[in-house]
C-alpha atoms as a PDB file:
ATOM      1  CA  UNK A   1      75.707  65.318  10.331  1.00  0.00           C
ATOM      2  CA  UNK A   2      78.564  63.510   8.653  1.00  0.00           C
ATOM      3  CA  UNK A   3      78.315  59.887   7.669  1.00  0.00           C
ATOM      4  CA  UNK A   4      81.358  58.191   9.171  1.00  0.00           C
ATOM      5  CA  UNK A   5      80.990  54.761   7.562  1.00  0.00           C
ATOM      6  CA  UNK A   6      78.579  52.481   5.732  1.00  0.00           C
ATOM      7  CA  UNK A   7      78.865  48.690   5.430  1.00  0.00           C
ATOM      8  CA  UNK A   8      76.472  45.715   5.222  1.00  0.00           C
ATOM      9  CA  UNK A   9      73.492  48.064   5.474  1.00  0.00           C
ATOM     10  CA  UNK A  10      74.776  49.698   8.669  1.00  0.00           C
ATOM     11  CA  UNK A  11      75.240  53.463   8.515  1.00  0.00           C
ATOM     12  CA  UNK A  12      77.366  55.159  11.178  1.00  0.00           C
ATOM     13  CA  UNK A  13      76.794  58.861  11.912  1.00  0.00           C
ATOM     14  CA  UNK A  14      78.286  61.267  14.383  1.00  0.00           C
ATOM     15  CA  UNK A  15      76.497  64.407  15.567  1.00  0.00           C
ATOM     16  CA  UNK A  16      78.983  67.077  16.567  1.00  0.00           C
ATOM     17  CA  UNK A  17      76.833  68.974  19.083  1.00  0.00           C
ATOM     18  CA  UNK A  18      74.370  66.303  20.256  1.00  0.00           C
ATOM     19  CA  UNK A  19      74.993  66.689  23.997  1.00  0.00           C
ATOM     20  CA  UNK A  20      71.435  67.384  25.175  1.00  0.00           C
ATOM     21  CA  UNK A  21      70.282  63.744  25.140  1.00  0.00           C
ATOM     22  CA  UNK A  22      73.592  61.918  25.559  1.00  0.00           C
ATOM     23  CA  UNK A  23      76.288  63.572  27.647  1.00  0.00           C
ATOM     24  CA  UNK A  24      79.072  61.153  26.656  1.00  0.00           C
ATOM     25  CA  UNK A  25      80.896  61.156  23.293  1.00  0.00           C
ATOM     26  CA  UNK A  26      78.924  58.790  21.064  1.00  0.00           C
ATOM     27  CA  UNK A  27      77.906  57.737  17.554  1.00  0.00           C
ATOM     28  CA  UNK A  28      74.611  56.728  15.950  1.00  0.00           C
ATOM     29  CA  UNK A  29      74.064  53.472  14.058  1.00  0.00           C
ATOM     30  CA  UNK A  30      71.154  53.105  11.627  1.00  0.00           C
ATOM     31  CA  UNK A  31      70.062  49.757  10.238  1.00  0.00           C
ATOM     32  CA  UNK A  32      66.771  48.692   8.633  1.00  0.00           C
ATOM     33  CA  UNK A  33      64.892  51.783   9.799  1.00  0.00           C
ATOM     34  CA  UNK A  34      66.044  51.575  13.412  1.00  0.00           C
ATOM     35  CA  UNK A  35      68.653  53.603  15.268  1.00  0.00           C
ATOM     36  CA  UNK A  36      71.017  52.838  18.144  1.00  0.00           C
ATOM     37  CA  UNK A  37      73.316  55.181  20.028  1.00  0.00           C
ATOM     38  CA  UNK A  38      76.618  53.846  21.372  1.00  0.00           C
ATOM     39  CA  UNK A  39      79.245  55.492  23.522  1.00  0.00           C
ATOM     40  CA  UNK A  40      82.857  55.247  22.406  1.00  0.00           C
ATOM     41  CA  UNK A  41      83.297  52.644  25.134  1.00  0.00           C
ATOM     42  CA  UNK A  42      80.769  50.367  23.360  1.00  0.00           C
ATOM     43  CA  UNK A  43      77.916  50.818  25.841  1.00  0.00           C
ATOM     44  CA  UNK A  44      74.421  51.163  24.400  1.00  0.00           C
ATOM     45  CA  UNK A  45      73.077  54.645  25.250  1.00  0.00           C
ATOM     46  CA  UNK A  46      69.794  54.500  23.330  1.00  0.00           C
ATOM     47  CA  UNK A  47      67.690  52.499  20.922  1.00  0.00           C
ATOM     48  CA  UNK A  48      66.238  48.976  20.881  1.00  0.00           C
ATOM     49  CA  UNK A  49      67.872  46.520  23.278  1.00  0.00           C
ATOM     50  CA  UNK A  50      68.279  43.816  20.628  1.00  0.00           C
ATOM     51  CA  UNK A  51      69.770  44.284  17.169  1.00  0.00           C
ATOM     52  CA  UNK A  52      67.824  42.722  14.276  1.00  0.00           C
ATOM     53  CA  UNK A  53      69.163  39.331  13.218  1.00  0.00           C
ATOM     54  CA  UNK A  54      71.499  39.067  16.191  1.00  0.00           C
ATOM     55  CA  UNK A  55      71.869  36.147  18.568  1.00  0.00           C
ATOM     56  CA  UNK A  56      72.629  38.342  21.574  1.00  0.00           C
ATOM     57  CA  UNK A  57      72.165  41.926  22.687  1.00  0.00           C
ATOM     58  CA  UNK A  58      74.555  44.528  21.271  1.00  0.00           C
ATOM     59  CA  UNK A  59      76.198  42.058  18.891  1.00  0.00           C
ATOM     60  CA  UNK A  60      76.761  44.761  16.251  1.00  0.00           C
ATOM     61  CA  UNK A  61      79.298  46.630  18.362  1.00  0.00           C
END
């Protein structure tokens, strides 16, 4: 799976054929051993509800 970007400890990946779990186009974000899945529209599709070190939910989007 290609690494799209990496900054401030965040690593962004995109699986080309990962349609079994998430039907929408999406990308994976890894940070401090955790993983989130976001749709291209910014909606959280999977992972913890709160990002580490954030003041509000989904603040890393």
